Amino acid sequence: MPLMNQLKIGSEKFIPGKIVCIGRNYLEHIQELGNETPQQMVIFNKPNSSISTRLFALRDEALHFEGEICLMVRSGGFYGVGFGLDLTKRELQSSLKAKGLPWERAKAFDGAACFSDFVTLGDTELSSLSLELVINGKLQQSGGWKLMLHKPDQILIGIQQFMSLDDGDIIMTGTPKGVGQVVVGDRFEGSIKSEEKILVSQDWLAE
């Protein structure tokens, strides 16, 4: 049986059994992709096998990045926060959507999720959280709680209405505008902030 991918929160390691992703949670991102604003949360999963510590660009098709605030679950609530990249085979996703087919081939492949380490939330208010993604020294994405159509507490309740969440599961809360293609050699710097304080950050060099 293959080993499960692990992530860190402080000095502790944890294994995400699943990654629950929220799509179309920022209005300007919906508009930049020409999608309709959904009446209900768009929810899909990535498996543990999609986690990678390295960021790979695809040679045969465009791979798009989406920076996200990611929340780790423990005891049925939010325990930790980290930065994540939701990686998407955009052309394949568009083709599958046009045919009314599931997205897994475009969203749940090996290497489709990159994460920073996580830090405990402690007394940090969810409403203070924001993200920044800088590529090659230029701010590419920024957003957070204030711009979310569905806030984290609403997301948690919505998911738990039909799916159990285990300790270590991760919820990716959606991406703000500014998504684009991963290019070999690009340097990605993702960070999570509470107000102006950086809680955690991570660098990747696209290979």
N, C-alpha and C. Protein backbone atom coordinates (compact mmCIF):
# COMPACT_ATOMS: atom_id res chain seq x y z
N MET A 1 0.85 -1.20 0.00
CA MET A 1 0.00 0.00 0.00
C MET A 1 0.89 1.25 0.00
N PRO A 2 0.65 2.21 -0.92
CA PRO A 2 1.51 3.40 -0.98
C PRO A 2 1.36 4.27 0.25
N LEU A 3 2.44 4.97 0.61
CA LEU A 3 2.39 5.87 1.75
C LEU A 3 1.53 7.08 1.42
N MET A 4 0.78 7.55 2.42
CA MET A 4 -0.05 8.74 2.24
C MET A 4 0.81 10.00 2.37
N ASN A 5 0.50 11.01 1.58
CA ASN A 5 1.23 12.27 1.65
C ASN A 5 0.94 12.97 2.97
N GLN A 6 1.98 13.55 3.56
CA GLN A 6 1.87 14.25 4.83
C GLN A 6 2.14 15.74 4.66
N LEU A 7 1.55 16.54 5.54
CA LEU A 7 1.83 17.96 5.63
C LEU A 7 2.19 18.29 7.07
N LYS A 8 2.67 19.51 7.30
CA LYS A 8 3.09 19.91 8.65
C LYS A 8 2.25 21.06 9.17
N ILE A 9 1.95 20.98 10.46
CA ILE A 9 1.37 22.11 11.18
C ILE A 9 2.23 22.30 12.42
N GLY A 10 3.02 23.36 12.43
CA GLY A 10 4.02 23.52 13.48
C GLY A 10 5.04 22.40 13.37
N SER A 11 5.32 21.74 14.48
CA SER A 11 6.27 20.62 14.49
C SER A 11 5.57 19.28 14.26
N GLU A 12 4.27 19.32 14.10
CA GLU A 12 3.45 18.11 13.98
C GLU A 12 3.17 17.80 12.51
N LYS A 13 3.16 16.53 12.17
CA LYS A 13 2.78 16.11 10.83
C LYS A 13 1.34 15.60 10.84
N PHE A 14 0.63 15.81 9.73
CA PHE A 14 -0.72 15.28 9.63
C PHE A 14 -0.97 14.79 8.22
N ILE A 15 -1.92 13.89 8.08
CA ILE A 15 -2.26 13.29 6.79
C ILE A 15 -3.66 13.73 6.37
N PRO A 16 -3.77 14.52 5.32
CA PRO A 16 -5.11 14.87 4.83
C PRO A 16 -5.74 13.67 4.12
N GLY A 17 -6.85 13.20 4.64
CA GLY A 17 -7.53 12.09 3.98
C GLY A 17 -8.15 12.52 2.66
N LYS A 18 -8.59 13.78 2.63
CA LYS A 18 -9.18 14.35 1.41
C LYS A 18 -9.05 15.86 1.44
N ILE A 19 -9.15 16.44 0.26
CA ILE A 19 -9.12 17.89 0.10
C ILE A 19 -10.46 18.28 -0.51
N VAL A 20 -11.23 19.07 0.21
CA VAL A 20 -12.54 19.50 -0.27
C VAL A 20 -12.40 20.93 -0.80
N CYS A 21 -12.73 21.10 -2.07
CA CYS A 21 -12.48 22.37 -2.75
C CYS A 21 -13.80 23.10 -3.04
N ILE A 22 -13.76 24.41 -2.86
CA ILE A 22 -14.92 25.25 -3.15
C ILE A 22 -14.63 26.03 -4.43
N GLY A 23 -15.46 25.83 -5.44
CA GLY A 23 -15.29 26.54 -6.70
C GLY A 23 -16.18 27.78 -6.77
N ARG A 24 -15.77 28.73 -7.61
CA ARG A 24 -16.58 29.93 -7.89
C ARG A 24 -17.00 30.65 -6.61
N ASN A 25 -16.02 30.94 -5.76
CA ASN A 25 -16.32 31.59 -4.48
C ASN A 25 -15.91 33.06 -4.45
N TYR A 26 -15.36 33.57 -5.58
CA TYR A 26 -15.01 34.97 -5.71
C TYR A 26 -15.63 35.50 -7.00
N LEU A 27 -16.41 36.56 -6.91
CA LEU A 27 -17.18 37.04 -8.05
C LEU A 27 -16.28 37.40 -9.23
N GLU A 28 -15.17 38.10 -8.99
CA GLU A 28 -14.34 38.54 -10.10
C GLU A 28 -13.64 37.36 -10.78
N HIS A 29 -13.38 36.28 -10.04
CA HIS A 29 -12.83 35.08 -10.67
C HIS A 29 -13.89 34.41 -11.55
N ILE A 30 -15.13 34.37 -11.09
CA ILE A 30 -16.22 33.83 -11.90
C ILE A 30 -16.30 34.61 -13.22
N GLN A 31 -16.19 35.92 -13.13
CA GLN A 31 -16.31 36.78 -14.31
C GLN A 31 -15.13 36.60 -15.26
N GLU A 32 -13.90 36.43 -14.71
CA GLU A 32 -12.75 36.32 -15.59
C GLU A 32 -12.76 35.02 -16.40
N LEU A 33 -13.44 33.98 -15.90
CA LEU A 33 -13.54 32.73 -16.64
C LEU A 33 -14.85 32.62 -17.42
N GLY A 34 -15.70 33.65 -17.31
CA GLY A 34 -16.94 33.64 -18.05
C GLY A 34 -17.94 32.61 -17.56
N ASN A 35 -17.90 32.30 -16.26
CA ASN A 35 -18.83 31.32 -15.69
C ASN A 35 -20.06 32.00 -15.12
N GLU A 36 -21.10 31.22 -14.91
CA GLU A 36 -22.28 31.73 -14.24
C GLU A 36 -22.08 31.68 -12.72
N THR A 37 -22.67 32.62 -12.01
CA THR A 37 -22.62 32.61 -10.55
C THR A 37 -23.59 31.55 -10.05
N PRO A 38 -23.10 30.53 -9.34
CA PRO A 38 -23.98 29.43 -8.91
C PRO A 38 -24.88 29.84 -7.75
N GLN A 39 -26.04 29.22 -7.67
CA GLN A 39 -26.95 29.48 -6.57
C GLN A 39 -26.52 28.74 -5.31
N GLN A 40 -25.82 27.62 -5.47
CA GLN A 40 -25.29 26.85 -4.35
C GLN A 40 -23.77 26.74 -4.47
N MET A 41 -23.12 26.39 -3.37
CA MET A 41 -21.68 26.20 -3.40
C MET A 41 -21.30 25.11 -4.41
N VAL A 42 -20.24 25.38 -5.15
CA VAL A 42 -19.66 24.37 -6.03
C VAL A 42 -18.60 23.63 -5.23
N ILE A 43 -18.76 22.33 -5.07
CA ILE A 43 -17.88 21.53 -4.21
C ILE A 43 -17.34 20.34 -5.00
N PHE A 44 -16.03 20.14 -4.92
CA PHE A 44 -15.41 18.96 -5.52
C PHE A 44 -14.24 18.53 -4.64
N ASN A 45 -13.76 17.31 -4.83
CA ASN A 45 -12.70 16.76 -3.99
C ASN A 45 -11.43 16.50 -4.77
N LYS A 46 -10.32 16.59 -4.08
CA LYS A 46 -9.04 16.09 -4.55
C LYS A 46 -8.58 15.01 -3.57
N PRO A 47 -7.96 13.93 -4.05
CA PRO A 47 -7.48 12.89 -3.15
C PRO A 47 -6.13 13.25 -2.53
N ASN A 48 -5.74 12.50 -1.52
CA ASN A 48 -4.42 12.69 -0.92
C ASN A 48 -3.31 12.55 -1.96
N SER A 49 -3.50 11.69 -2.95
CA SER A 49 -2.47 11.45 -3.96
C SER A 49 -2.22 12.65 -4.86
N SER A 50 -3.09 13.67 -4.81
CA SER A 50 -2.87 14.87 -5.62
C SER A 50 -1.86 15.83 -5.00
N ILE A 51 -1.48 15.60 -3.74
CA ILE A 51 -0.57 16.51 -3.03
C ILE A 51 0.86 16.35 -3.53
N SER A 52 1.52 17.48 -3.78
CA SER A 52 2.91 17.47 -4.22
C SER A 52 3.67 18.60 -3.54
N THR A 53 4.93 18.37 -3.23
CA THR A 53 5.77 19.43 -2.68
C THR A 53 6.43 20.25 -3.79
N ARG A 54 6.32 19.76 -5.04
CA ARG A 54 6.94 20.44 -6.19
C ARG A 54 5.86 20.90 -7.15
N LEU A 55 6.15 21.98 -7.86
CA LEU A 55 5.21 22.58 -8.81
C LEU A 55 5.70 22.29 -10.22
N PHE A 56 4.95 21.49 -10.93
CA PHE A 56 5.33 21.08 -12.27
C PHE A 56 4.45 21.77 -13.31
N ALA A 57 5.07 22.31 -14.36
CA ALA A 57 4.34 22.79 -15.52
C ALA A 57 4.21 21.63 -16.51
N LEU A 58 3.06 21.55 -17.16
CA LEU A 58 2.84 20.48 -18.13
C LEU A 58 3.37 20.91 -19.50
N ARG A 59 3.98 19.97 -20.20
CA ARG A 59 4.54 20.27 -21.52
C ARG A 59 3.51 20.11 -22.62
N ASP A 60 2.49 19.28 -22.39
CA ASP A 60 1.55 18.94 -23.46
C ASP A 60 0.25 19.73 -23.41
N GLU A 61 -0.01 20.44 -22.32
CA GLU A 61 -1.21 21.26 -22.22
C GLU A 61 -1.04 22.31 -21.13
N ALA A 62 -1.90 23.33 -21.18
CA ALA A 62 -1.79 24.43 -20.22
C ALA A 62 -2.25 23.99 -18.84
N LEU A 63 -1.42 24.28 -17.84
CA LEU A 63 -1.77 24.03 -16.44
C LEU A 63 -1.94 25.38 -15.76
N HIS A 64 -3.10 25.62 -15.18
CA HIS A 64 -3.38 26.90 -14.54
C HIS A 64 -3.26 26.79 -13.03
N PHE A 65 -2.80 27.88 -12.43
CA PHE A 65 -2.68 27.98 -10.97
C PHE A 65 -3.86 28.75 -10.41
N GLU A 66 -4.25 28.40 -9.18
CA GLU A 66 -5.27 29.12 -8.43
C GLU A 66 -4.83 29.17 -6.97
N GLY A 67 -4.44 30.33 -6.48
CA GLY A 67 -4.02 30.47 -5.08
C GLY A 67 -5.21 30.52 -4.15
N GLU A 68 -5.11 29.84 -3.00
CA GLU A 68 -6.27 29.73 -2.11
C GLU A 68 -5.88 29.74 -0.63
N ILE A 69 -6.78 30.26 0.19
CA ILE A 69 -6.70 30.08 1.64
C ILE A 69 -7.20 28.67 1.94
N CYS A 70 -6.39 27.91 2.67
CA CYS A 70 -6.71 26.51 2.95
C CYS A 70 -6.82 26.31 4.46
N LEU A 71 -7.89 25.66 4.87
CA LEU A 71 -8.16 25.46 6.30
C LEU A 71 -8.14 23.98 6.64
N MET A 72 -7.40 23.64 7.68
CA MET A 72 -7.29 22.25 8.13
C MET A 72 -8.31 22.00 9.23
N VAL A 73 -8.98 20.85 9.14
CA VAL A 73 -10.06 20.51 10.06
C VAL A 73 -9.54 19.61 11.19
N ARG A 74 -10.01 19.89 12.38
CA ARG A 74 -9.75 19.01 13.52
C ARG A 74 -10.94 19.11 14.48
N SER A 75 -11.42 17.95 14.95
CA SER A 75 -12.56 17.89 15.88
C SER A 75 -13.78 18.63 15.34
N GLY A 76 -13.98 18.53 14.04
CA GLY A 76 -15.16 19.10 13.42
C GLY A 76 -15.13 20.58 13.16
N GLY A 77 -14.00 21.25 13.48
CA GLY A 77 -13.89 22.69 13.26
C GLY A 77 -12.58 23.04 12.59
N PHE A 78 -12.36 24.32 12.35
CA PHE A 78 -11.12 24.77 11.74
C PHE A 78 -10.03 24.88 12.80
N TYR A 79 -8.89 24.27 12.51
CA TYR A 79 -7.79 24.25 13.46
C TYR A 79 -6.56 24.97 12.93
N GLY A 80 -6.29 24.86 11.63
CA GLY A 80 -5.09 25.44 11.06
C GLY A 80 -5.35 26.08 9.71
N VAL A 81 -4.39 26.90 9.27
CA VAL A 81 -4.52 27.58 7.99
C VAL A 81 -3.19 27.51 7.24
N GLY A 82 -3.27 27.41 5.93
CA GLY A 82 -2.09 27.40 5.08
C GLY A 82 -2.43 27.95 3.71
N PHE A 83 -1.42 28.12 2.89
CA PHE A 83 -1.61 28.57 1.51
C PHE A 83 -1.57 27.37 0.59
N GLY A 84 -2.44 27.37 -0.41
CA GLY A 84 -2.46 26.26 -1.35
C GLY A 84 -2.59 26.72 -2.78
N LEU A 85 -2.07 25.90 -3.70
CA LEU A 85 -2.27 26.08 -5.13
C LEU A 85 -3.14 24.95 -5.64
N ASP A 86 -4.32 25.31 -6.13
CA ASP A 86 -5.20 24.37 -6.81
C ASP A 86 -4.80 24.43 -8.28
N LEU A 87 -4.28 23.33 -8.82
CA LEU A 87 -3.78 23.30 -10.20
C LEU A 87 -4.79 22.61 -11.10
N THR A 88 -5.00 23.22 -12.27
CA THR A 88 -6.11 22.82 -13.13
C THR A 88 -5.65 22.66 -14.57
N LYS A 89 -6.01 21.55 -15.18
CA LYS A 89 -5.85 21.40 -16.63
C LYS A 89 -7.06 22.10 -17.26
N ARG A 90 -6.88 23.38 -17.58
CA ARG A 90 -8.02 24.24 -17.91
C ARG A 90 -8.73 23.81 -19.19
N GLU A 91 -7.99 23.49 -20.24
CA GLU A 91 -8.64 23.11 -21.49
C GLU A 91 -9.43 21.81 -21.31
N LEU A 92 -8.85 20.88 -20.59
CA LEU A 92 -9.55 19.62 -20.32
C LEU A 92 -10.78 19.87 -19.48
N GLN A 93 -10.67 20.72 -18.47
CA GLN A 93 -11.82 21.03 -17.62
C GLN A 93 -12.95 21.64 -18.46
N SER A 94 -12.61 22.57 -19.34
CA SER A 94 -13.63 23.21 -20.18
C SER A 94 -14.31 22.19 -21.08
N SER A 95 -13.53 21.26 -21.62
CA SER A 95 -14.10 20.22 -22.48
C SER A 95 -15.04 19.31 -21.70
N LEU A 96 -14.64 18.92 -20.49
CA LEU A 96 -15.48 18.06 -19.66
C LEU A 96 -16.77 18.77 -19.25
N LYS A 97 -16.65 20.04 -18.87
CA LYS A 97 -17.82 20.81 -18.47
C LYS A 97 -18.81 20.94 -19.63
N ALA A 98 -18.29 21.17 -20.84
CA ALA A 98 -19.16 21.33 -22.00
C ALA A 98 -19.96 20.06 -22.29
N LYS A 99 -19.40 18.93 -21.92
CA LYS A 99 -20.07 17.64 -22.14
C LYS A 99 -20.89 17.20 -20.93
N GLY A 100 -20.90 18.02 -19.87
CA GLY A 100 -21.64 17.67 -18.67
C GLY A 100 -20.99 16.55 -17.87
N LEU A 101 -19.66 16.40 -18.00
CA LEU A 101 -18.94 15.32 -17.33
C LEU A 101 -18.21 15.84 -16.09
N PRO A 102 -17.87 14.94 -15.15
CA PRO A 102 -17.14 15.36 -13.94
C PRO A 102 -15.76 15.94 -14.27
N TRP A 103 -15.20 16.67 -13.30
CA TRP A 103 -13.94 17.39 -13.49
C TRP A 103 -12.69 16.64 -13.04
N GLU A 104 -12.83 15.46 -12.47
CA GLU A 104 -11.69 14.84 -11.79
C GLU A 104 -10.42 14.76 -12.63
N ARG A 105 -10.56 14.45 -13.91
CA ARG A 105 -9.37 14.34 -14.77
C ARG A 105 -8.60 15.66 -14.85
N ALA A 106 -9.30 16.76 -14.66
CA ALA A 106 -8.68 18.08 -14.77
C ALA A 106 -8.29 18.68 -13.42
N LYS A 107 -8.75 18.07 -12.32
CA LYS A 107 -8.55 18.68 -11.00
C LYS A 107 -7.94 17.75 -9.95
N ALA A 108 -8.01 16.44 -10.18
CA ALA A 108 -7.63 15.49 -9.12
C ALA A 108 -6.44 14.62 -9.50
N PHE A 109 -5.69 15.02 -10.51
CA PHE A 109 -4.53 14.25 -10.96
C PHE A 109 -3.37 14.36 -9.97
N ASP A 110 -2.41 13.48 -10.07
CA ASP A 110 -1.22 13.54 -9.22
C ASP A 110 -0.51 14.88 -9.43
N GLY A 111 -0.20 15.57 -8.34
CA GLY A 111 0.47 16.87 -8.43
C GLY A 111 -0.47 18.05 -8.57
N ALA A 112 -1.77 17.83 -8.38
CA ALA A 112 -2.76 18.90 -8.60
C ALA A 112 -2.96 19.81 -7.39
N ALA A 113 -2.21 19.59 -6.31
CA ALA A 113 -2.37 20.44 -5.12
C ALA A 113 -1.02 20.63 -4.44
N CYS A 114 -0.61 21.88 -4.28
CA CYS A 114 0.62 22.21 -3.56
C CYS A 114 0.27 23.06 -2.35
N PHE A 115 0.88 22.76 -1.22
CA PHE A 115 0.55 23.47 0.01
C PHE A 115 1.80 23.96 0.72
N SER A 116 1.66 25.08 1.42
CA SER A 116 2.65 25.51 2.40
C SER A 116 2.51 24.63 3.63
N ASP A 117 3.38 24.82 4.61
CA ASP A 117 3.09 24.30 5.94
C ASP A 117 1.85 25.02 6.46
N PHE A 118 1.22 24.43 7.48
CA PHE A 118 0.07 25.05 8.12
C PHE A 118 0.47 25.58 9.50
N VAL A 119 -0.28 26.57 9.97
CA VAL A 119 -0.09 27.09 11.32
C VAL A 119 -1.45 27.04 12.02
N THR A 120 -1.41 26.88 13.34
CA THR A 120 -2.67 26.83 14.08
C THR A 120 -3.33 28.21 14.06
N LEU A 121 -4.65 28.20 14.03
CA LEU A 121 -5.40 29.45 14.01
C LEU A 121 -5.36 30.15 15.36
N GLY A 122 -5.44 29.37 16.43
CA GLY A 122 -5.46 29.98 17.76
C GLY A 122 -6.58 31.00 17.87
N ASP A 123 -6.21 32.24 18.23
CA ASP A 123 -7.19 33.31 18.39
C ASP A 123 -7.42 34.11 17.10
N THR A 124 -6.77 33.68 16.00
CA THR A 124 -6.92 34.41 14.74
C THR A 124 -8.35 34.34 14.24
N GLU A 125 -8.93 35.48 13.94
CA GLU A 125 -10.29 35.53 13.41
C GLU A 125 -10.29 35.16 11.93
N LEU A 126 -11.21 34.28 11.56
CA LEU A 126 -11.31 33.90 10.15
C LEU A 126 -11.57 35.12 9.27
N SER A 127 -12.30 36.08 9.79
CA SER A 127 -12.63 37.28 9.02
C SER A 127 -11.42 38.16 8.72
N SER A 128 -10.28 37.88 9.37
CA SER A 128 -9.08 38.68 9.14
C SER A 128 -8.18 38.07 8.07
N LEU A 129 -8.52 36.88 7.56
CA LEU A 129 -7.62 36.15 6.68
C LEU A 129 -7.65 36.66 5.24
N SER A 130 -6.47 36.69 4.65
CA SER A 130 -6.34 37.03 3.23
C SER A 130 -5.14 36.28 2.66
N LEU A 131 -5.07 36.25 1.33
CA LEU A 131 -3.95 35.58 0.66
C LEU A 131 -3.31 36.54 -0.33
N GLU A 132 -2.03 36.26 -0.61
CA GLU A 132 -1.33 36.94 -1.70
C GLU A 132 -0.51 35.91 -2.46
N LEU A 133 -0.53 36.01 -3.78
CA LEU A 133 0.33 35.18 -4.62
C LEU A 133 1.16 36.12 -5.49
N VAL A 134 2.47 36.02 -5.33
CA VAL A 134 3.42 36.83 -6.10
C VAL A 134 4.16 35.90 -7.05
N ILE A 135 4.22 36.26 -8.33
CA ILE A 135 4.94 35.46 -9.32
C ILE A 135 6.01 36.33 -9.96
N ASN A 136 7.25 35.88 -9.84
CA ASN A 136 8.40 36.62 -10.38
C ASN A 136 8.43 38.06 -9.87
N GLY A 137 8.09 38.22 -8.59
CA GLY A 137 8.16 39.53 -7.96
C GLY A 137 6.96 40.42 -8.19
N LYS A 138 5.95 39.96 -8.94
CA LYS A 138 4.77 40.76 -9.24
C LYS A 138 3.55 40.16 -8.57
N LEU A 139 2.76 41.02 -7.90
CA LEU A 139 1.54 40.55 -7.25
C LEU A 139 0.56 40.06 -8.31
N GLN A 140 0.19 38.80 -8.23
CA GLN A 140 -0.69 38.17 -9.22
C GLN A 140 -2.11 37.99 -8.69
N GLN A 141 -2.25 37.57 -7.44
CA GLN A 141 -3.56 37.34 -6.84
C GLN A 141 -3.59 37.88 -5.42
N SER A 142 -4.71 38.43 -5.04
CA SER A 142 -4.94 38.81 -3.64
C SER A 142 -6.43 38.76 -3.38
N GLY A 143 -6.79 38.41 -2.16
CA GLY A 143 -8.20 38.31 -1.80
C GLY A 143 -8.31 37.67 -0.43
N GLY A 144 -9.54 37.48 0.00
CA GLY A 144 -9.72 36.89 1.31
C GLY A 144 -11.17 36.87 1.73
N TRP A 145 -11.35 36.77 3.04
CA TRP A 145 -12.67 36.59 3.63
C TRP A 145 -13.68 37.61 3.10
N LYS A 146 -13.28 38.87 3.01
CA LYS A 146 -14.22 39.94 2.64
C LYS A 146 -14.80 39.74 1.25
N LEU A 147 -14.05 39.10 0.35
CA LEU A 147 -14.49 38.94 -1.03
C LEU A 147 -15.16 37.60 -1.30
N MET A 148 -15.17 36.71 -0.32
CA MET A 148 -15.76 35.38 -0.52
C MET A 148 -17.29 35.47 -0.59
N LEU A 149 -17.87 34.78 -1.54
CA LEU A 149 -19.33 34.68 -1.61
C LEU A 149 -19.85 33.79 -0.48
N HIS A 150 -19.12 32.72 -0.19
CA HIS A 150 -19.44 31.82 0.92
C HIS A 150 -18.30 31.89 1.92
N LYS A 151 -18.58 32.34 3.13
CA LYS A 151 -17.56 32.49 4.16
C LYS A 151 -17.20 31.11 4.73
N PRO A 152 -16.02 30.98 5.36
CA PRO A 152 -15.58 29.67 5.86
C PRO A 152 -16.60 28.96 6.76
N ASP A 153 -17.24 29.67 7.68
CA ASP A 153 -18.21 29.02 8.55
C ASP A 153 -19.39 28.46 7.76
N GLN A 154 -19.83 29.20 6.74
CA GLN A 154 -20.90 28.70 5.87
C GLN A 154 -20.44 27.48 5.08
N ILE A 155 -19.20 27.53 4.61
CA ILE A 155 -18.64 26.41 3.86
C ILE A 155 -18.62 25.15 4.71
N LEU A 156 -18.15 25.29 5.96
CA LEU A 156 -18.07 24.14 6.86
C LEU A 156 -19.44 23.52 7.08
N ILE A 157 -20.43 24.34 7.35
CA ILE A 157 -21.79 23.83 7.58
C ILE A 157 -22.32 23.16 6.32
N GLY A 158 -22.10 23.78 5.16
CA GLY A 158 -22.59 23.23 3.91
C GLY A 158 -22.00 21.88 3.60
N ILE A 159 -20.70 21.72 3.84
CA ILE A 159 -20.05 20.43 3.58
C ILE A 159 -20.56 19.37 4.55
N GLN A 160 -20.65 19.73 5.83
CA GLN A 160 -21.02 18.75 6.85
C GLN A 160 -22.47 18.29 6.73
N GLN A 161 -23.26 18.97 5.92
CA GLN A 161 -24.63 18.53 5.70
C GLN A 161 -24.70 17.22 4.92
N PHE A 162 -23.63 16.90 4.19
CA PHE A 162 -23.68 15.68 3.39
C PHE A 162 -22.39 14.87 3.40
N MET A 163 -21.34 15.36 4.04
CA MET A 163 -20.05 14.68 4.02
C MET A 163 -19.37 14.78 5.37
N SER A 164 -18.82 13.68 5.86
CA SER A 164 -18.05 13.70 7.11
C SER A 164 -16.67 14.29 6.85
N LEU A 165 -16.20 15.09 7.78
CA LEU A 165 -14.86 15.63 7.71
C LEU A 165 -14.03 15.03 8.83
N ASP A 166 -12.88 14.46 8.47
CA ASP A 166 -12.00 13.82 9.43
C ASP A 166 -10.87 14.75 9.82
N ASP A 167 -10.25 14.48 10.95
CA ASP A 167 -9.09 15.26 11.37
C ASP A 167 -8.02 15.22 10.28
N GLY A 168 -7.52 16.40 9.93
CA GLY A 168 -6.48 16.48 8.90
C GLY A 168 -7.01 16.80 7.52
N ASP A 169 -8.31 16.67 7.31
CA ASP A 169 -8.88 17.06 6.01
C ASP A 169 -8.66 18.55 5.78
N ILE A 170 -8.52 18.92 4.51
CA ILE A 170 -8.28 20.32 4.14
C ILE A 170 -9.44 20.84 3.31
N ILE A 171 -9.85 22.06 3.61
CA ILE A 171 -10.83 22.75 2.78
C ILE A 171 -10.14 23.90 2.06
N MET A 172 -10.17 23.85 0.72
CA MET A 172 -9.65 24.94 -0.10
C MET A 172 -10.83 25.86 -0.41
N THR A 173 -10.72 27.15 -0.02
CA THR A 173 -11.89 28.02 0.05
C THR A 173 -12.16 28.81 -1.23
N GLY A 174 -11.47 28.51 -2.32
CA GLY A 174 -11.71 29.21 -3.57
C GLY A 174 -10.62 30.20 -3.90
N THR A 175 -10.62 30.67 -5.14
CA THR A 175 -9.53 31.53 -5.61
C THR A 175 -10.05 32.88 -6.10
N PRO A 176 -9.33 33.96 -5.80
CA PRO A 176 -9.69 35.27 -6.35
C PRO A 176 -9.23 35.40 -7.80
N LYS A 177 -9.53 36.52 -8.41
CA LYS A 177 -9.15 36.75 -9.81
C LYS A 177 -7.63 36.74 -9.95
N GLY A 178 -7.18 36.54 -11.19
CA GLY A 178 -5.75 36.59 -11.46
C GLY A 178 -5.13 35.25 -11.78
N VAL A 179 -5.95 34.22 -12.00
CA VAL A 179 -5.41 32.90 -12.31
C VAL A 179 -4.73 32.95 -13.68
N GLY A 180 -3.82 32.00 -13.90
CA GLY A 180 -3.10 31.97 -15.16
C GLY A 180 -2.31 30.70 -15.31
N GLN A 181 -1.48 30.65 -16.34
CA GLN A 181 -0.75 29.43 -16.68
C GLN A 181 0.57 29.33 -15.93
N VAL A 182 0.89 28.11 -15.50
CA VAL A 182 2.18 27.83 -14.89
C VAL A 182 3.23 27.72 -15.99
N VAL A 183 4.31 28.49 -15.87
CA VAL A 183 5.38 28.50 -16.86
C VAL A 183 6.68 28.04 -16.20
N VAL A 184 7.40 27.15 -16.86
CA VAL A 184 8.66 26.65 -16.32
C VAL A 184 9.59 27.81 -16.00
N GLY A 185 10.16 27.79 -14.80
CA GLY A 185 11.08 28.83 -14.38
C GLY A 185 10.44 29.95 -13.58
N ASP A 186 9.13 30.03 -13.57
CA ASP A 186 8.45 31.05 -12.77
C ASP A 186 8.60 30.75 -11.28
N ARG A 187 8.82 31.81 -10.51
CA ARG A 187 8.91 31.65 -9.05
C ARG A 187 7.62 32.13 -8.40
N PHE A 188 7.01 31.23 -7.65
CA PHE A 188 5.75 31.50 -6.96
C PHE A 188 6.03 31.73 -5.48
N GLU A 189 5.44 32.78 -4.93
CA GLU A 189 5.52 33.06 -3.50
C GLU A 189 4.09 33.25 -2.98
N GLY A 190 3.61 32.30 -2.21
CA GLY A 190 2.26 32.38 -1.67
C GLY A 190 2.28 32.65 -0.18
N SER A 191 1.39 33.49 0.30
CA SER A 191 1.36 33.80 1.73
C SER A 191 -0.07 33.98 2.21
N ILE A 192 -0.26 33.67 3.49
CA ILE A 192 -1.51 33.90 4.19
C ILE A 192 -1.28 34.97 5.23
N LYS A 193 -2.18 35.95 5.25
CA LYS A 193 -2.06 37.06 6.20
C LYS A 193 -3.28 37.13 7.12
N SER A 194 -3.05 37.64 8.32
CA SER A 194 -4.12 38.07 9.21
C SER A 194 -3.94 39.57 9.38
N GLU A 195 -4.87 40.35 8.80
CA GLU A 195 -4.66 41.80 8.65
C GLU A 195 -3.35 41.99 7.88
N GLU A 196 -2.34 42.61 8.43
CA GLU A 196 -1.08 42.83 7.69
C GLU A 196 0.02 41.87 8.13
N LYS A 197 -0.28 40.99 9.07
CA LYS A 197 0.72 40.06 9.58
C LYS A 197 0.75 38.79 8.75
N ILE A 198 1.93 38.39 8.28
CA ILE A 198 2.07 37.14 7.55
C ILE A 198 2.08 35.97 8.52
N LEU A 199 1.15 35.05 8.34
CA LEU A 199 1.07 33.88 9.20
C LEU A 199 1.93 32.74 8.69
N VAL A 200 1.96 32.57 7.38
CA VAL A 200 2.72 31.48 6.77
C VAL A 200 2.95 31.81 5.31
N SER A 201 4.07 31.36 4.75
CA SER A 201 4.36 31.61 3.35
C SER A 201 5.15 30.43 2.77
N GLN A 202 5.16 30.33 1.45
CA GLN A 202 5.84 29.22 0.78
C GLN A 202 6.27 29.68 -0.61
N ASP A 203 7.48 29.25 -1.02
CA ASP A 203 7.98 29.51 -2.36
C ASP A 203 8.02 28.21 -3.17
N TRP A 204 7.73 28.33 -4.46
CA TRP A 204 7.91 27.22 -5.40
C TRP A 204 8.58 27.75 -6.66
N LEU A 205 9.41 26.94 -7.26
CA LEU A 205 9.97 27.23 -8.58
C LEU A 205 9.36 26.25 -9.56
N ALA A 206 8.61 26.75 -10.52
CA ALA A 206 7.93 25.88 -11.47
C ALA A 206 8.95 25.10 -12.31
N GLU A 207 8.78 23.80 -12.36
CA GLU A 207 9.73 22.93 -13.06
C GLU A 207 9.17 22.48 -14.40
